[in-house]
Amino acid sequence: MGIRKDSNGRPQIAQVSPVAAIAGGEFQIHGKGFAKAERPKVTIGEVAAPVIIGSDSFMIVRVPEGVSEGELVVQNGEQASQAWTCDIGIQIAESLHPVANPAVDTFGNVYTTFSGSRGQKVAVAVYKIDLNYNVKPFINDLMNATAMAFDAQGLLYISSRFDGVVYQVTPNGSMSVFVEGMGIASGLAFDEENNLYVGDRSGTIFKIAPNRQIFVFATLEMSVSAYHLAFGPQGDLFVTGPNDRVFKIDPSGTVSTLYKGLGRPQGLAFDVDGNLYVAASLAGTRGIVKITPDGKAKLEVSGHGLVGLAFAPGRSVILATTSAVHHLAWNIQGQRLVPE
């Protein structure tokens, strides 16, 4: 897109990147005519956005709290640019402690954790957020709830990095042990045959058959952070964890590197076109990074503290930070996670 033509001295926006952000994230603005006699000012949805770097042709601004719409405008004194539409994620829950992807059921209800520090007993381990964004306790008696995934029958599975157990939870919140002995259990994902895969931070990816038989599917190096798992459209398992890489594990358990160069990659998810989205830092900026099937990476959403994401019905996505959950209307269709 070229610079928008204007002959009356108004600031002209050529490009804003990334395309979306949550409060605390940053937008980079390219154009011209930003700075005249005084420092340029930026508003997003009529809320003033702090300018971190400002020049006549380039600015970095921080998305302020309280923004609910993404009409970005640059002012240079009396003159204002045309509005540039950005996508803004809206906070729907706070005072949480997610450490991995949120989970979304087939109805669109969101599940998120208060994971706590290792060995910390919290009052509520998992919260349920309904379609009206009402936040209610869902699971209480669970230590260090870590990752979550739904199976084909709509049962929720939750890993505990405290006791190495994966718990099975019914829609009414009844919890039972599904499998034990998963080490420092972290990421969870189901394949098309309803086998459950569990990441163990000591370096093992376990495969749990529907009859609960346990296999060692693959081994990786030990990680001080959680392993996060997601299946790609061709049946390969993708894993983030140690160092700065996204690993690809084929159905035979052979491990390769999809992408190297991310900062602390965590939760991940695929869209229907086979693009992978990872909560990570790219070139020093935290957010959601899109990795295309041919291995090209680009920051798509900016936001500090992002740890995971889950696609939701209606071309939207749920974003989890270390303390809150956001909803972003995004024209991207997520890949279904379990067989229908």
C-alpha atoms as a PDB file:
ATOM      1  CA  MET A   1       0.000   0.000   0.000  1.00  0.00           C
ATOM      2  CA  GLY A   2       1.446   3.388  -0.980  1.00  0.00           C
ATOM      3  CA  ILE A   3       1.425   6.593   1.028  1.00  0.00           C
ATOM      4  CA  ARG A   4      -2.019   8.114   1.065  1.00  0.00           C
ATOM      5  CA  LYS A   5      -1.979  11.262  -1.067  1.00  0.00           C
ATOM      6  CA  ASP A   6      -2.751  14.544   0.633  1.00  0.00           C
ATOM      7  CA  SER A   7      -1.593  18.036  -0.348  1.00  0.00           C
ATOM      8  CA  ASN A   8      -2.612  20.109   2.650  1.00  0.00           C
ATOM      9  CA  GLY A   9       0.233  19.194   5.011  1.00  0.00           C
ATOM     10  CA  ARG A  10      -1.577  16.468   6.865  1.00  0.00           C
ATOM     11  CA  PRO A  11       0.502  13.542   8.174  1.00  0.00           C
ATOM     12  CA  GLN A  12       0.349  10.627   5.786  1.00  0.00           C
ATOM     13  CA  ILE A  13       0.450   7.016   7.010  1.00  0.00           C
ATOM     14  CA  ALA A  14       1.973   4.501   4.602  1.00  0.00           C
ATOM     15  CA  GLN A  15       2.010   1.384   6.782  1.00  0.00           C
ATOM     16  CA  VAL A  16       1.343   0.249  10.346  1.00  0.00           C
ATOM     17  CA  SER A  17       2.811  -3.012  11.598  1.00  0.00           C
ATOM     18  CA  PRO A  18       2.077  -5.509  12.930  1.00  0.00           C
ATOM     19  CA  VAL A  19      -1.586  -5.743  11.949  1.00  0.00           C
ATOM     20  CA  ALA A  20      -2.815  -6.304  15.515  1.00  0.00           C
ATOM     21  CA  ALA A  21      -1.861  -5.694  19.140  1.00  0.00           C
ATOM     22  CA  ILE A  22      -3.103  -5.848  22.707  1.00  0.00           C
ATOM     23  CA  ALA A  23      -2.683  -3.155  25.365  1.00  0.00           C
ATOM     24  CA  GLY A  24       1.010  -2.753  26.107  1.00  0.00           C
ATOM     25  CA  GLY A  25       2.007  -3.891  22.626  1.00  0.00           C
ATOM     26  CA  GLU A  26       3.607  -1.629  20.065  1.00  0.00           C
ATOM     27  CA  PHE A  27       2.818  -0.430  16.555  1.00  0.00           C
ATOM     28  CA  GLN A  28       5.453   0.761  14.089  1.00  0.00           C
ATOM     29  CA  ILE A  29       4.146   3.562  11.861  1.00  0.00           C
ATOM     30  CA  HIS A  30       5.773   4.476   8.539  1.00  0.00           C
ATOM     31  CA  GLY A  31       4.845   7.520   6.474  1.00  0.00           C
ATOM     32  CA  LYS A  32       5.733  11.203   6.265  1.00  0.00           C
ATOM     33  CA  GLY A  33       4.815  14.577   7.690  1.00  0.00           C
ATOM     34  CA  PHE A  34       4.568  13.255  11.247  1.00  0.00           C
ATOM     35  CA  ALA A  35       6.724  15.871  13.004  1.00  0.00           C
ATOM     36  CA  LYS A  36       6.366  19.596  12.393  1.00  0.00           C
ATOM     37  CA  ALA A  37       7.097  22.220  15.031  1.00  0.00           C
ATOM     38  CA  GLU A  38       6.140  19.956  17.910  1.00  0.00           C
ATOM     39  CA  ARG A  39       6.251  16.318  18.908  1.00  0.00           C
ATOM     40  CA  PRO A  40       3.728  14.224  16.975  1.00  0.00           C
ATOM     41  CA  LYS A  41       0.731  12.828  18.821  1.00  0.00           C
ATOM     42  CA  VAL A  42      -1.023   9.522  18.157  1.00  0.00           C
ATOM     43  CA  THR A  43      -4.468   8.360  19.190  1.00  0.00           C
ATOM     44  CA  ILE A  44      -5.910   4.874  18.879  1.00  0.00           C
ATOM     45  CA  GLY A  45      -9.683   4.868  19.138  1.00  0.00           C
ATOM     46  CA  GLU A  46      -9.526   8.414  20.580  1.00  0.00           C
ATOM     47  CA  VAL A  47      -7.213   7.295  23.409  1.00  0.00           C
ATOM     48  CA  ALA A  48      -3.752   8.882  23.453  1.00  0.00           C
ATOM     49  CA  ALA A  49      -0.993   6.377  22.633  1.00  0.00           C
ATOM     50  CA  PRO A  50       2.466   7.003  24.141  1.00  0.00           C
ATOM     51  CA  VAL A  51       5.085   7.747  21.471  1.00  0.00           C
ATOM     52  CA  ILE A  52       8.262   5.783  22.179  1.00  0.00           C
ATOM     53  CA  ILE A  53      10.188   6.866  19.073  1.00  0.00           C
ATOM     54  CA  GLY A  54       9.095   9.770  16.906  1.00  0.00           C
ATOM     55  CA  SER A  55      10.479  11.280  13.702  1.00  0.00           C
ATOM     56  CA  ASP A  56       9.004  12.813  10.572  1.00  0.00           C
ATOM     57  CA  SER A  57       8.703   9.442   8.803  1.00  0.00           C
ATOM     58  CA  PHE A  58       8.745   6.743  11.484  1.00  0.00           C
ATOM     59  CA  MET A  59       7.208   6.232  14.908  1.00  0.00           C
ATOM     60  CA  ILE A  60       6.804   3.492  17.473  1.00  0.00           C
ATOM     61  CA  VAL A  61       3.781   3.860  19.752  1.00  0.00           C
ATOM     62  CA  ARG A  62       2.527   1.789  22.654  1.00  0.00           C
ATOM     63  CA  VAL A  63      -1.087   0.631  22.700  1.00  0.00           C
ATOM     64  CA  PRO A  64      -2.691   2.225  25.794  1.00  0.00           C
ATOM     65  CA  GLU A  65      -5.040   0.558  28.247  1.00  0.00           C
ATOM     66  CA  GLY A  66      -8.722   1.048  27.564  1.00  0.00           C
ATOM     67  CA  VAL A  67      -8.567   0.931  23.766  1.00  0.00           C
ATOM     68  CA  SER A  68     -11.506  -0.937  22.266  1.00  0.00           C
ATOM     69  CA  GLU A  69     -11.239   0.070  18.608  1.00  0.00           C
ATOM     70  CA  GLY A  70      -8.287   0.378  16.290  1.00  0.00           C
ATOM     71  CA  GLU A  71      -8.648   3.661  14.436  1.00  0.00           C
ATOM     72  CA  LEU A  72      -5.092   5.026  14.592  1.00  0.00           C
ATOM     73  CA  VAL A  73      -4.551   8.735  13.834  1.00  0.00           C
ATOM     74  CA  VAL A  74      -1.301  10.756  13.751  1.00  0.00           C
ATOM     75  CA  GLN A  75      -1.404  14.487  14.576  1.00  0.00           C
ATOM     76  CA  ASN A  76       1.313  17.080  13.879  1.00  0.00           C
ATOM     77  CA  GLY A  77      -0.083  20.118  15.640  1.00  0.00           C
ATOM     78  CA  GLU A  78      -3.343  21.155  14.048  1.00  0.00           C
ATOM     79  CA  GLN A  79      -3.203  18.600  11.232  1.00  0.00           C
ATOM     80  CA  ALA A  80      -4.339  14.985  11.554  1.00  0.00           C
ATOM     81  CA  SER A  81      -3.893  12.006   9.266  1.00  0.00           C
ATOM     82  CA  GLN A  82      -6.610   9.818   7.899  1.00  0.00           C
ATOM     83  CA  ALA A  83      -7.435   6.963  10.266  1.00  0.00           C
ATOM     84  CA  TRP A  84      -5.600   3.682   9.787  1.00  0.00           C
ATOM     85  CA  THR A  85      -7.547   0.653  10.998  1.00  0.00           C
ATOM     86  CA  CYS A  86      -5.669  -1.762  13.277  1.00  0.00           C
ATOM     87  CA  ASP A  87      -6.954  -4.840  15.088  1.00  0.00           C
ATOM     88  CA  ILE A  88      -6.994  -4.516  18.869  1.00  0.00           C
ATOM     89  CA  GLY A  89      -7.374  -7.443  21.257  1.00  0.00           C
ATOM     90  CA  ILE A  90      -9.868  -6.766  24.062  1.00  0.00           C
ATOM     91  CA  GLN A  91      -9.147  -8.031  27.566  1.00  0.00           C
ATOM     92  CA  ILE A  92     -11.870 -10.402  28.758  1.00  0.00           C
ATOM     93  CA  ALA A  93     -10.323 -11.689  31.998  1.00  0.00           C
ATOM     94  CA  GLU A  94      -7.554 -10.603  34.357  1.00  0.00           C
ATOM     95  CA  SER A  95      -5.814 -11.647  37.598  1.00  0.00           C
ATOM     96  CA  LEU A  96      -4.910 -15.006  36.060  1.00  0.00           C
ATOM     97  CA  HIS A  97      -1.701 -16.975  35.554  1.00  0.00           C
ATOM     98  CA  PRO A  98      -1.704 -18.863  32.249  1.00  0.00           C
ATOM     99  CA  VAL A  99       1.548 -20.575  31.273  1.00  0.00           C
ATOM    100  CA  ALA A 100       0.382 -22.124  27.991  1.00  0.00           C
ATOM    101  CA  ASN A 101      -2.420 -21.936  25.430  1.00  0.00           C
ATOM    102  CA  PRO A 102      -5.958 -21.322  26.627  1.00  0.00           C
ATOM    103  CA  ALA A 103      -8.491 -23.935  25.486  1.00  0.00           C
ATOM    104  CA  VAL A 104     -11.749 -23.293  23.612  1.00  0.00           C
ATOM    105  CA  ASP A 105     -14.599 -25.819  23.451  1.00  0.00           C
ATOM    106  CA  THR A 106     -16.901 -26.335  20.460  1.00  0.00           C
ATOM    107  CA  PHE A 107     -19.389 -23.812  21.840  1.00  0.00           C
ATOM    108  CA  GLY A 108     -16.779 -21.081  22.182  1.00  0.00           C
ATOM    109  CA  ASN A 109     -16.317 -21.198  25.959  1.00  0.00           C
ATOM    110  CA  VAL A 110     -12.749 -20.371  26.991  1.00  0.00           C
ATOM    111  CA  TYR A 111     -10.758 -22.208  29.662  1.00  0.00           C
ATOM    112  CA  THR A 112      -7.692 -20.679  31.259  1.00  0.00           C
ATOM    113  CA  THR A 113      -5.502 -21.362  34.267  1.00  0.00           C
ATOM    114  CA  PHE A 114      -4.130 -19.836  37.382  1.00  0.00           C
ATOM    115  CA  SER A 115      -1.058 -22.029  37.335  1.00  0.00           C
ATOM    116  CA  GLY A 116       0.919 -20.574  40.230  1.00  0.00           C
ATOM    117  CA  SER A 117       4.562 -21.149  41.081  1.00  0.00           C
ATOM    118  CA  ARG A 118       5.849 -24.705  41.460  1.00  0.00           C
ATOM    119  CA  GLY A 119       4.099 -26.331  44.426  1.00  0.00           C
ATOM    120  CA  GLN A 120       1.788 -23.362  45.039  1.00  0.00           C
ATOM    121  CA  LYS A 121      -1.757 -24.317  46.063  1.00  0.00           C
ATOM    122  CA  VAL A 122      -4.154 -21.819  44.527  1.00  0.00           C
ATOM    123  CA  ALA A 123      -7.836 -21.313  45.271  1.00  0.00           C
ATOM    124  CA  VAL A 124      -8.922 -21.845  41.647  1.00  0.00           C
ATOM    125  CA  ALA A 125      -6.787 -23.756  39.146  1.00  0.00           C
ATOM    126  CA  VAL A 126      -8.924 -23.400  35.991  1.00  0.00           C
ATOM    127  CA  TYR A 127     -11.494 -20.771  35.086  1.00  0.00           C
ATOM    128  CA  LYS A 128     -14.259 -20.969  32.491  1.00  0.00           C
ATOM    129  CA  ILE A 129     -15.143 -17.852  30.500  1.00  0.00           C
ATOM    130  CA  ASP A 130     -18.530 -18.073  28.805  1.00  0.00           C
ATOM    131  CA  LEU A 131     -19.687 -16.357  25.609  1.00  0.00           C
ATOM    132  CA  ASN A 132     -20.724 -13.267  27.591  1.00  0.00           C
ATOM    133  CA  TYR A 133     -17.224 -13.126  29.136  1.00  0.00           C
ATOM    134  CA  ASN A 134     -18.454 -14.150  32.567  1.00  0.00           C
ATOM    135  CA  VAL A 135     -15.491 -15.647  34.431  1.00  0.00           C
ATOM    136  CA  LYS A 136     -16.318 -18.511  36.787  1.00  0.00           C
ATOM    137  CA  PRO A 137     -14.242 -21.051  38.735  1.00  0.00           C
ATOM    138  CA  PHE A 138     -14.194 -24.427  36.965  1.00  0.00           C
ATOM    139  CA  ILE A 139     -11.525 -26.562  38.694  1.00  0.00           C
ATOM    140  CA  ASN A 140     -10.340 -25.938  42.241  1.00  0.00           C
ATOM    141  CA  ASP A 141      -8.327 -28.891  43.551  1.00  0.00           C
ATOM    142  CA  LEU A 142      -5.444 -29.157  41.094  1.00  0.00           C
ATOM    143  CA  MET A 143      -1.828 -28.181  41.680  1.00  0.00           C
ATOM    144  CA  ASN A 144       0.039 -26.242  38.971  1.00  0.00           C
ATOM    145  CA  ALA A 145      -2.429 -26.611  36.101  1.00  0.00           C
ATOM    146  CA  THR A 146      -0.236 -26.245  33.022  1.00  0.00           C
ATOM    147  CA  ALA A 147      -1.562 -27.167  29.562  1.00  0.00           C
ATOM    148  CA  MET A 148      -5.063 -28.015  28.334  1.00  0.00           C
ATOM    149  CA  ALA A 149      -6.568 -29.824  25.343  1.00  0.00           C
ATOM    150  CA  PHE A 150      -9.968 -31.202  24.325  1.00  0.00           C
ATOM    151  CA  ASP A 151     -10.533 -34.672  22.899  1.00  0.00           C
ATOM    152  CA  ALA A 152     -13.061 -35.655  20.221  1.00  0.00           C
ATOM    153  CA  GLN A 153     -15.746 -36.302  22.854  1.00  0.00           C
ATOM    154  CA  GLY A 154     -15.445 -32.840  24.356  1.00  0.00           C
ATOM    155  CA  LEU A 155     -13.575 -33.916  27.481  1.00  0.00           C
ATOM    156  CA  LEU A 156     -10.924 -31.506  28.742  1.00  0.00           C
ATOM    157  CA  TYR A 157      -7.427 -32.747  29.633  1.00  0.00           C
ATOM    158  CA  ILE A 158      -5.166 -30.773  31.965  1.00  0.00           C
ATOM    159  CA  SER A 159      -1.514 -31.457  32.726  1.00  0.00           C
ATOM    160  CA  SER A 160       0.115 -30.775  36.082  1.00  0.00           C
ATOM    161  CA  ARG A 161       3.824 -30.030  36.104  1.00  0.00           C
ATOM    162  CA  PHE A 162       3.725 -30.602  39.867  1.00  0.00           C
ATOM    163  CA  ASP A 163       2.734 -34.270  40.035  1.00  0.00           C
ATOM    164  CA  GLY A 164       3.236 -35.457  36.438  1.00  0.00           C
ATOM    165  CA  VAL A 165      -0.434 -36.334  36.090  1.00  0.00           C
ATOM    166  CA  VAL A 166      -2.784 -35.600  33.191  1.00  0.00           C
ATOM    167  CA  TYR A 167      -6.342 -35.151  34.435  1.00  0.00           C
ATOM    168  CA  GLN A 168      -9.538 -35.764  32.489  1.00  0.00           C
ATOM    169  CA  VAL A 169     -12.415 -33.350  33.133  1.00  0.00           C
ATOM    170  CA  THR A 170     -16.066 -33.665  32.113  1.00  0.00           C
ATOM    171  CA  PRO A 171     -18.089 -30.621  30.947  1.00  0.00           C
ATOM    172  CA  ASN A 172     -19.597 -30.273  34.436  1.00  0.00           C
ATOM    173  CA  GLY A 173     -16.136 -30.098  36.039  1.00  0.00           C
ATOM    174  CA  SER A 174     -15.817 -33.656  37.363  1.00  0.00           C
ATOM    175  CA  MET A 175     -12.093 -34.496  37.390  1.00  0.00           C
ATOM    176  CA  SER A 176     -10.283 -37.839  37.374  1.00  0.00           C
ATOM    177  CA  VAL A 177      -6.758 -39.088  36.709  1.00  0.00           C
ATOM    178  CA  PHE A 178      -6.232 -40.056  33.069  1.00  0.00           C
ATOM    179  CA  VAL A 179      -2.535 -40.975  33.181  1.00  0.00           C
ATOM    180  CA  GLU A 180       0.322 -40.677  35.675  1.00  0.00           C
ATOM    181  CA  GLY A 181       4.111 -40.677  35.457  1.00  0.00           C
ATOM    182  CA  MET A 182       4.487 -37.933  32.854  1.00  0.00           C
ATOM    183  CA  GLY A 183       7.486 -36.332  34.563  1.00  0.00           C
ATOM    184  CA  ILE A 184       7.272 -32.538  34.589  1.00  0.00           C
ATOM    185  CA  ALA A 185       4.174 -32.627  32.412  1.00  0.00           C
ATOM    186  CA  SER A 186       3.545 -29.606  30.210  1.00  0.00           C
ATOM    187  CA  GLY A 187       2.136 -29.386  26.658  1.00  0.00           C
ATOM    188  CA  LEU A 188      -0.792 -31.484  25.436  1.00  0.00           C
ATOM    189  CA  ALA A 189      -2.117 -32.243  21.939  1.00  0.00           C
ATOM    190  CA  PHE A 190      -4.344 -34.847  20.288  1.00  0.00           C
ATOM    191  CA  ASP A 191      -3.734 -36.378  16.869  1.00  0.00           C
ATOM    192  CA  GLU A 192      -6.414 -37.464  14.392  1.00  0.00           C
ATOM    193  CA  GLU A 193      -6.627 -40.933  15.989  1.00  0.00           C
ATOM    194  CA  ASN A 194      -7.322 -39.398  19.415  1.00  0.00           C
ATOM    195  CA  ASN A 195      -3.898 -40.320  20.791  1.00  0.00           C
ATOM    196  CA  LEU A 196      -2.782 -37.817  23.419  1.00  0.00           C
ATOM    197  CA  TYR A 197       0.760 -36.436  23.350  1.00  0.00           C
ATOM    198  CA  VAL A 198       2.366 -35.037  26.497  1.00  0.00           C
ATOM    199  CA  GLY A 199       5.521 -32.953  26.739  1.00  0.00           C
ATOM    200  CA  ASP A 200       7.802 -33.741  29.691  1.00  0.00           C
ATOM    201  CA  ARG A 201      10.361 -31.046  30.469  1.00  0.00           C
ATOM    202  CA  SER A 202      12.978 -33.703  31.170  1.00  0.00           C
ATOM    203  CA  GLY A 203      13.022 -34.272  27.391  1.00  0.00           C
ATOM    204  CA  THR A 204      10.394 -36.894  26.564  1.00  0.00           C
ATOM    205  CA  ILE A 205       7.333 -36.582  24.342  1.00  0.00           C
ATOM    206  CA  PHE A 206       4.909 -39.284  25.482  1.00  0.00           C
ATOM    207  CA  LYS A 207       2.155 -40.779  23.336  1.00  0.00           C
ATOM    208  CA  ILE A 208      -0.900 -42.037  25.198  1.00  0.00           C
ATOM    209  CA  ALA A 209      -3.237 -44.300  23.235  1.00  0.00           C
ATOM    210  CA  PRO A 210      -7.007 -44.098  23.800  1.00  0.00           C
ATOM    211  CA  ASN A 211      -6.694 -47.279  25.913  1.00  0.00           C
ATOM    212  CA  ARG A 212      -4.119 -45.370  28.036  1.00  0.00           C
ATOM    213  CA  GLN A 213      -1.153 -47.405  26.883  1.00  0.00           C
ATOM    214  CA  ILE A 214       1.976 -45.248  27.167  1.00  0.00           C
ATOM    215  CA  PHE A 215       4.687 -44.951  24.506  1.00  0.00           C
ATOM    216  CA  VAL A 216       7.801 -42.799  24.241  1.00  0.00           C
ATOM    217  CA  PHE A 217       7.182 -40.972  20.962  1.00  0.00           C
ATOM    218  CA  ALA A 218      10.309 -38.805  20.761  1.00  0.00           C
ATOM    219  CA  THR A 219      13.106 -37.380  22.889  1.00  0.00           C
ATOM    220  CA  LEU A 220      14.418 -33.834  22.973  1.00  0.00           C
ATOM    221  CA  GLU A 221      16.942 -32.043  25.143  1.00  0.00           C
ATOM    222  CA  MET A 222      15.948 -31.145  28.677  1.00  0.00           C
ATOM    223  CA  SER A 223      14.201 -27.782  29.012  1.00  0.00           C
ATOM    224  CA  VAL A 224      13.781 -25.433  31.960  1.00  0.00           C
ATOM    225  CA  SER A 225      10.609 -24.171  30.287  1.00  0.00           C
ATOM    226  CA  ALA A 226       7.512 -26.077  29.275  1.00  0.00           C
ATOM    227  CA  TYR A 227       7.171 -27.984  26.042  1.00  0.00           C
ATOM    228  CA  HIS A 228       4.199 -26.703  24.039  1.00  0.00           C
ATOM    229  CA  LEU A 229       2.610 -28.950  21.395  1.00  0.00           C
ATOM    230  CA  ALA A 230       0.436 -28.599  18.285  1.00  0.00           C
ATOM    231  CA  PHE A 231      -0.296 -30.864  15.330  1.00  0.00           C
ATOM    232  CA  GLY A 232       0.137 -29.551  11.814  1.00  0.00           C
ATOM    233  CA  PRO A 233      -2.155 -30.297   8.863  1.00  0.00           C
ATOM    234  CA  GLN A 234       0.079 -33.122   7.565  1.00  0.00           C
ATOM    235  CA  GLY A 235       0.083 -35.031  10.853  1.00  0.00           C
ATOM    236  CA  ASP A 236       3.440 -33.784  12.127  1.00  0.00           C
ATOM    237  CA  LEU A 237       3.813 -32.697  15.748  1.00  0.00           C
ATOM    238  CA  PHE A 238       5.329 -29.267  16.360  1.00  0.00           C
ATOM    239  CA  VAL A 239       7.024 -28.453  19.650  1.00  0.00           C
ATOM    240  CA  THR A 240       8.427 -25.321  21.258  1.00  0.00           C
ATOM    241  CA  GLY A 241      10.587 -25.423  24.330  1.00  0.00           C
ATOM    242  CA  PRO A 242      14.336 -25.285  24.716  1.00  0.00           C
ATOM    243  CA  ASN A 243      16.464 -22.593  23.111  1.00  0.00           C
ATOM    244  CA  ASP A 244      14.932 -20.574  20.288  1.00  0.00           C
ATOM    245  CA  ARG A 245      13.484 -23.219  18.012  1.00  0.00           C
ATOM    246  CA  VAL A 246      10.265 -24.751  16.770  1.00  0.00           C
ATOM    247  CA  PHE A 247      10.768 -28.494  16.367  1.00  0.00           C
ATOM    248  CA  LYS A 248       8.948 -30.712  13.882  1.00  0.00           C
ATOM    249  CA  ILE A 249       8.440 -34.377  14.749  1.00  0.00           C
ATOM    250  CA  ASP A 250       7.133 -36.627  11.975  1.00  0.00           C
ATOM    251  CA  PRO A 251       4.786 -39.564  12.677  1.00  0.00           C
ATOM    252  CA  SER A 252       7.788 -41.911  13.072  1.00  0.00           C
ATOM    253  CA  GLY A 253       9.249 -39.747  15.864  1.00  0.00           C
ATOM    254  CA  THR A 254      12.066 -38.195  13.824  1.00  0.00           C
ATOM    255  CA  VAL A 255      12.928 -34.710  15.099  1.00  0.00           C
ATOM    256  CA  SER A 256      13.947 -31.776  12.878  1.00  0.00           C
ATOM    257  CA  THR A 257      13.973 -27.995  13.224  1.00  0.00           C
ATOM    258  CA  LEU A 258      11.242 -25.973  11.493  1.00  0.00           C
ATOM    259  CA  TYR A 259      12.471 -22.546  12.561  1.00  0.00           C
ATOM    260  CA  LYS A 260      15.361 -21.177  14.617  1.00  0.00           C
ATOM    261  CA  GLY A 261      15.647 -17.637  15.927  1.00  0.00           C
ATOM    262  CA  LEU A 262      12.657 -17.006  18.197  1.00  0.00           C
ATOM    263  CA  GLY A 263      12.887 -15.620  21.708  1.00  0.00           C
ATOM    264  CA  ARG A 264      11.332 -17.974  24.269  1.00  0.00           C
ATOM    265  CA  PRO A 265       8.714 -19.602  22.013  1.00  0.00           C
ATOM    266  CA  GLN A 266       5.717 -20.914  23.952  1.00  0.00           C
ATOM    267  CA  GLY A 267       2.118 -21.744  22.939  1.00  0.00           C
ATOM    268  CA  LEU A 268       1.389 -22.453  19.277  1.00  0.00           C
ATOM    269  CA  ALA A 269      -1.543 -23.115  16.919  1.00  0.00           C
ATOM    270  CA  PHE A 270      -2.224 -23.627  13.197  1.00  0.00           C
ATOM    271  CA  ASP A 271      -4.684 -22.006  10.820  1.00  0.00           C
ATOM    272  CA  VAL A 272      -6.481 -23.886   8.046  1.00  0.00           C
ATOM    273  CA  ASP A 273      -3.859 -22.803   5.483  1.00  0.00           C
ATOM    274  CA  GLY A 274      -1.041 -24.479   7.397  1.00  0.00           C
ATOM    275  CA  ASN A 275       0.474 -21.315   8.863  1.00  0.00           C
ATOM    276  CA  LEU A 276       1.852 -21.728  12.369  1.00  0.00           C
ATOM    277  CA  TYR A 277       1.349 -19.040  15.020  1.00  0.00           C
ATOM    278  CA  VAL A 278       3.682 -18.985  18.026  1.00  0.00           C
ATOM    279  CA  ALA A 279       3.724 -16.846  21.155  1.00  0.00           C
ATOM    280  CA  ALA A 280       7.348 -15.699  21.010  1.00  0.00           C
ATOM    281  CA  SER A 281       9.695 -12.785  20.480  1.00  0.00           C
ATOM    282  CA  LEU A 282      10.931 -11.946  16.992  1.00  0.00           C
ATOM    283  CA  ALA A 283      13.756  -9.423  16.558  1.00  0.00           C
ATOM    284  CA  GLY A 284      13.277  -8.376  20.162  1.00  0.00           C
ATOM    285  CA  THR A 285       9.532  -7.742  20.032  1.00  0.00           C
ATOM    286  CA  ARG A 286       7.122 -10.014  21.919  1.00  0.00           C
ATOM    287  CA  GLY A 287       3.902 -11.148  20.336  1.00  0.00           C
ATOM    288  CA  ILE A 288       2.361 -13.752  18.058  1.00  0.00           C
ATOM    289  CA  VAL A 289       4.718 -14.789  15.267  1.00  0.00           C
ATOM    290  CA  LYS A 290       3.380 -16.285  12.045  1.00  0.00           C
ATOM    291  CA  ILE A 291       5.577 -18.931  10.402  1.00  0.00           C
ATOM    292  CA  THR A 292       4.512 -19.890   6.882  1.00  0.00           C
ATOM    293  CA  PRO A 293       4.844 -23.447   5.523  1.00  0.00           C
ATOM    294  CA  ASP A 294       8.015 -22.363   3.693  1.00  0.00           C
ATOM    295  CA  GLY A 295       9.600 -21.147   6.928  1.00  0.00           C
ATOM    296  CA  LYS A 296       9.192 -17.364   6.736  1.00  0.00           C
ATOM    297  CA  ALA A 297       8.469 -15.599  10.043  1.00  0.00           C
ATOM    298  CA  LYS A 298       6.623 -12.322  10.655  1.00  0.00           C
ATOM    299  CA  LEU A 299       5.210 -10.667  13.766  1.00  0.00           C
ATOM    300  CA  GLU A 300       1.408 -10.592  13.451  1.00  0.00           C
ATOM    301  CA  VAL A 301       0.324  -9.453  16.937  1.00  0.00           C
ATOM    302  CA  SER A 302       2.298  -7.311  19.369  1.00  0.00           C
ATOM    303  CA  GLY A 303       1.881  -7.778  23.105  1.00  0.00           C
ATOM    304  CA  HIS A 304       4.092  -8.110  26.166  1.00  0.00           C
ATOM    305  CA  GLY A 305       3.865 -11.305  28.164  1.00  0.00           C
ATOM    306  CA  LEU A 306       2.021 -13.377  25.551  1.00  0.00           C
ATOM    307  CA  VAL A 307       2.340 -17.088  26.350  1.00  0.00           C
ATOM    308  CA  GLY A 308      -0.266 -18.778  24.132  1.00  0.00           C
ATOM    309  CA  LEU A 309      -3.249 -18.611  21.820  1.00  0.00           C
ATOM    310  CA  ALA A 310      -6.270 -20.626  20.743  1.00  0.00           C
ATOM    311  CA  PHE A 311      -8.450 -20.057  17.703  1.00  0.00           C
ATOM    312  CA  ALA A 312     -12.126 -19.572  18.489  1.00  0.00           C
ATOM    313  CA  PRO A 313     -15.337 -19.740  16.429  1.00  0.00           C
ATOM    314  CA  GLY A 314     -16.159 -16.799  14.184  1.00  0.00           C
ATOM    315  CA  ARG A 315     -12.651 -16.122  12.886  1.00  0.00           C
ATOM    316  CA  SER A 316     -11.307 -14.923  16.195  1.00  0.00           C
ATOM    317  CA  VAL A 317      -8.489 -15.866  18.522  1.00  0.00           C
ATOM    318  CA  ILE A 318      -8.032 -15.994  22.278  1.00  0.00           C
ATOM    319  CA  LEU A 319      -4.677 -14.668  23.467  1.00  0.00           C
ATOM    320  CA  ALA A 320      -3.184 -15.475  26.864  1.00  0.00           C
ATOM    321  CA  THR A 321      -0.576 -13.375  28.639  1.00  0.00           C
ATOM    322  CA  THR A 322       1.052 -14.167  31.968  1.00  0.00           C
ATOM    323  CA  SER A 323      -1.835 -12.460  33.777  1.00  0.00           C
ATOM    324  CA  ALA A 324      -4.836 -12.004  31.466  1.00  0.00           C
ATOM    325  CA  VAL A 325      -6.840 -13.294  28.511  1.00  0.00           C
ATOM    326  CA  HIS A 326      -7.783 -11.257  25.444  1.00  0.00           C
ATOM    327  CA  HIS A 327     -10.205 -11.734  22.545  1.00  0.00           C
ATOM    328  CA  LEU A 328      -9.098 -10.594  19.100  1.00  0.00           C
ATOM    329  CA  ALA A 329     -11.429 -10.472  16.115  1.00  0.00           C
ATOM    330  CA  TRP A 330      -9.115 -11.802  13.428  1.00  0.00           C
ATOM    331  CA  ASN A 331     -10.010 -12.757   9.873  1.00  0.00           C
ATOM    332  CA  ILE A 332      -8.197 -16.080  10.193  1.00  0.00           C
ATOM    333  CA  GLN A 333      -9.778 -19.510  10.396  1.00  0.00           C
ATOM    334  CA  GLY A 334      -8.077 -21.781  12.889  1.00  0.00           C
ATOM    335  CA  GLN A 335      -7.427 -25.445  12.234  1.00  0.00           C
ATOM    336  CA  ARG A 336      -9.770 -27.733  14.124  1.00  0.00           C
ATOM    337  CA  LEU A 337      -7.886 -29.477  16.900  1.00  0.00           C
ATOM    338  CA  VAL A 338      -9.716 -32.807  17.131  1.00  0.00           C
ATOM    339  CA  PRO A 339     -11.694 -35.034  14.737  1.00  0.00           C
ATOM    340  CA  GLU A 340     -15.327 -34.109  14.270  1.00  0.00           C
END
